[in-house]
């Protein structure tokens, strides 16, 4: 998929956007801002991104017997 860097002639992103498919994400109850912990998550669980915004919804759903799927877009990585 080709993603455009500019919306118009005056509004452009600093870097060309790219779509990455197939990496594993996770959710947690903490904000991950530590490069060593980020590396541990990847080496141990092959987790490439972590977000905390979905944690409460996932825990509430699973605690009440509901299956949940979270679809997110990430724009940065922990401490990097």
C-alpha atoms as a PDB file:
ATOM      1  CA  UNK A   1       0.000   0.000   0.000  1.00  0.00           C
ATOM      2  CA  UNK A   2       1.401   3.363  -1.001  1.00  0.00           C
ATOM      3  CA  UNK A   3       0.978   6.019   1.691  1.00  0.00           C
ATOM      4  CA  UNK A   4       1.292   9.675   0.759  1.00  0.00           C
ATOM      5  CA  UNK A   5       3.714  11.914   2.600  1.00  0.00           C
ATOM      6  CA  UNK A   6       1.798  15.101   1.747  1.00  0.00           C
ATOM      7  CA  UNK A   7      -1.873  15.984   2.135  1.00  0.00           C
ATOM      8  CA  UNK A   8      -1.461  18.984  -0.156  1.00  0.00           C
ATOM      9  CA  UNK A   9       1.336  21.239  -1.409  1.00  0.00           C
ATOM     10  CA  UNK A  10       1.888  22.836   2.025  1.00  0.00           C
ATOM     11  CA  UNK A  11       1.059  20.072   4.530  1.00  0.00           C
ATOM     12  CA  UNK A  12       3.534  17.173   4.609  1.00  0.00           C
ATOM     13  CA  UNK A  13       4.847  14.693   7.163  1.00  0.00           C
ATOM     14  CA  UNK A  14       8.534  14.954   8.084  1.00  0.00           C
ATOM     15  CA  UNK A  15       9.136  11.297   7.219  1.00  0.00           C
ATOM     16  CA  UNK A  16       7.489   9.114   4.601  1.00  0.00           C
ATOM     17  CA  UNK A  17       4.829   6.969   6.334  1.00  0.00           C
ATOM     18  CA  UNK A  18       4.980   3.190   6.139  1.00  0.00           C
ATOM     19  CA  UNK A  19       2.528   0.441   6.910  1.00  0.00           C
ATOM     20  CA  UNK A  20       3.910  -2.461   8.964  1.00  0.00           C
ATOM     21  CA  UNK A  21       1.807  -5.625   9.105  1.00  0.00           C
ATOM     22  CA  UNK A  22       2.358  -8.783  11.098  1.00  0.00           C
ATOM     23  CA  UNK A  23       4.059  -7.534  14.233  1.00  0.00           C
ATOM     24  CA  UNK A  24       2.695  -8.432  17.648  1.00  0.00           C
ATOM     25  CA  UNK A  25       1.322  -5.764  19.952  1.00  0.00           C
ATOM     26  CA  UNK A  26       0.321  -5.896  23.592  1.00  0.00           C
ATOM     27  CA  UNK A  27      -1.576  -3.905  26.173  1.00  0.00           C
ATOM     28  CA  UNK A  28      -0.614  -3.248  29.768  1.00  0.00           C
ATOM     29  CA  UNK A  29      -1.581  -1.260  32.825  1.00  0.00           C
ATOM     30  CA  UNK A  30       1.652   0.773  32.696  1.00  0.00           C
ATOM     31  CA  UNK A  31       3.180   3.223  30.236  1.00  0.00           C
ATOM     32  CA  UNK A  32       6.296   1.620  28.751  1.00  0.00           C
ATOM     33  CA  UNK A  33       9.011   4.258  28.376  1.00  0.00           C
ATOM     34  CA  UNK A  34      12.110   2.161  28.922  1.00  0.00           C
ATOM     35  CA  UNK A  35      14.318   0.843  26.125  1.00  0.00           C
ATOM     36  CA  UNK A  36      15.607  -2.128  28.166  1.00  0.00           C
ATOM     37  CA  UNK A  37      12.062  -3.251  29.040  1.00  0.00           C
ATOM     38  CA  UNK A  38      10.974  -2.724  25.428  1.00  0.00           C
ATOM     39  CA  UNK A  39      13.838  -4.984  24.304  1.00  0.00           C
ATOM     40  CA  UNK A  40      12.884  -7.583  26.939  1.00  0.00           C
ATOM     41  CA  UNK A  41       9.273  -7.618  25.697  1.00  0.00           C
ATOM     42  CA  UNK A  42      10.440  -8.173  22.132  1.00  0.00           C
ATOM     43  CA  UNK A  43      13.031 -10.842  22.968  1.00  0.00           C
ATOM     44  CA  UNK A  44      10.704 -12.748  25.313  1.00  0.00           C
ATOM     45  CA  UNK A  45       7.283 -12.354  23.668  1.00  0.00           C
ATOM     46  CA  UNK A  46       8.089 -10.894  20.218  1.00  0.00           C
ATOM     47  CA  UNK A  47       6.005  -7.850  21.203  1.00  0.00           C
ATOM     48  CA  UNK A  48       6.914  -4.857  19.067  1.00  0.00           C
ATOM     49  CA  UNK A  49       4.491  -2.306  20.527  1.00  0.00           C
ATOM     50  CA  UNK A  50       2.641  -1.771  23.775  1.00  0.00           C
ATOM     51  CA  UNK A  51      -0.264   0.498  24.623  1.00  0.00           C
ATOM     52  CA  UNK A  52      -2.070   1.046  27.885  1.00  0.00           C
ATOM     53  CA  UNK A  53      -5.266   2.657  26.598  1.00  0.00           C
ATOM     54  CA  UNK A  54      -6.958  -0.676  25.796  1.00  0.00           C
ATOM     55  CA  UNK A  55      -6.005  -2.438  29.032  1.00  0.00           C
ATOM     56  CA  UNK A  56      -9.130  -1.547  31.038  1.00  0.00           C
ATOM     57  CA  UNK A  57     -11.472  -2.567  28.236  1.00  0.00           C
ATOM     58  CA  UNK A  58      -9.696  -5.896  27.705  1.00  0.00           C
ATOM     59  CA  UNK A  59      -9.610  -6.744  31.415  1.00  0.00           C
ATOM     60  CA  UNK A  60     -13.271  -5.811  31.905  1.00  0.00           C
ATOM     61  CA  UNK A  61     -14.367  -7.831  28.878  1.00  0.00           C
ATOM     62  CA  UNK A  62     -12.358 -10.937  29.763  1.00  0.00           C
ATOM     63  CA  UNK A  63     -13.384 -10.757  33.438  1.00  0.00           C
ATOM     64  CA  UNK A  64     -17.023 -10.877  32.334  1.00  0.00           C
ATOM     65  CA  UNK A  65     -16.541 -13.737  29.873  1.00  0.00           C
ATOM     66  CA  UNK A  66     -16.552 -11.683  26.679  1.00  0.00           C
ATOM     67  CA  UNK A  67     -14.037 -12.182  23.882  1.00  0.00           C
ATOM     68  CA  UNK A  68     -12.441  -8.927  22.797  1.00  0.00           C
ATOM     69  CA  UNK A  69     -10.325  -7.861  19.827  1.00  0.00           C
ATOM     70  CA  UNK A  70      -8.415  -4.582  19.915  1.00  0.00           C
ATOM     71  CA  UNK A  71      -7.305  -2.982  16.662  1.00  0.00           C
ATOM     72  CA  UNK A  72      -4.894  -0.093  17.142  1.00  0.00           C
ATOM     73  CA  UNK A  73      -2.544   2.048  15.200  1.00  0.00           C
ATOM     74  CA  UNK A  74       0.776   2.934  16.833  1.00  0.00           C
ATOM     75  CA  UNK A  75       2.861   5.952  15.951  1.00  0.00           C
ATOM     76  CA  UNK A  76       5.851   5.433  18.229  1.00  0.00           C
ATOM     77  CA  UNK A  77       7.716   2.822  20.251  1.00  0.00           C
ATOM     78  CA  UNK A  78       8.710   2.794  23.890  1.00  0.00           C
ATOM     79  CA  UNK A  79      11.755   4.949  24.504  1.00  0.00           C
ATOM     80  CA  UNK A  80      12.811   5.006  20.905  1.00  0.00           C
END
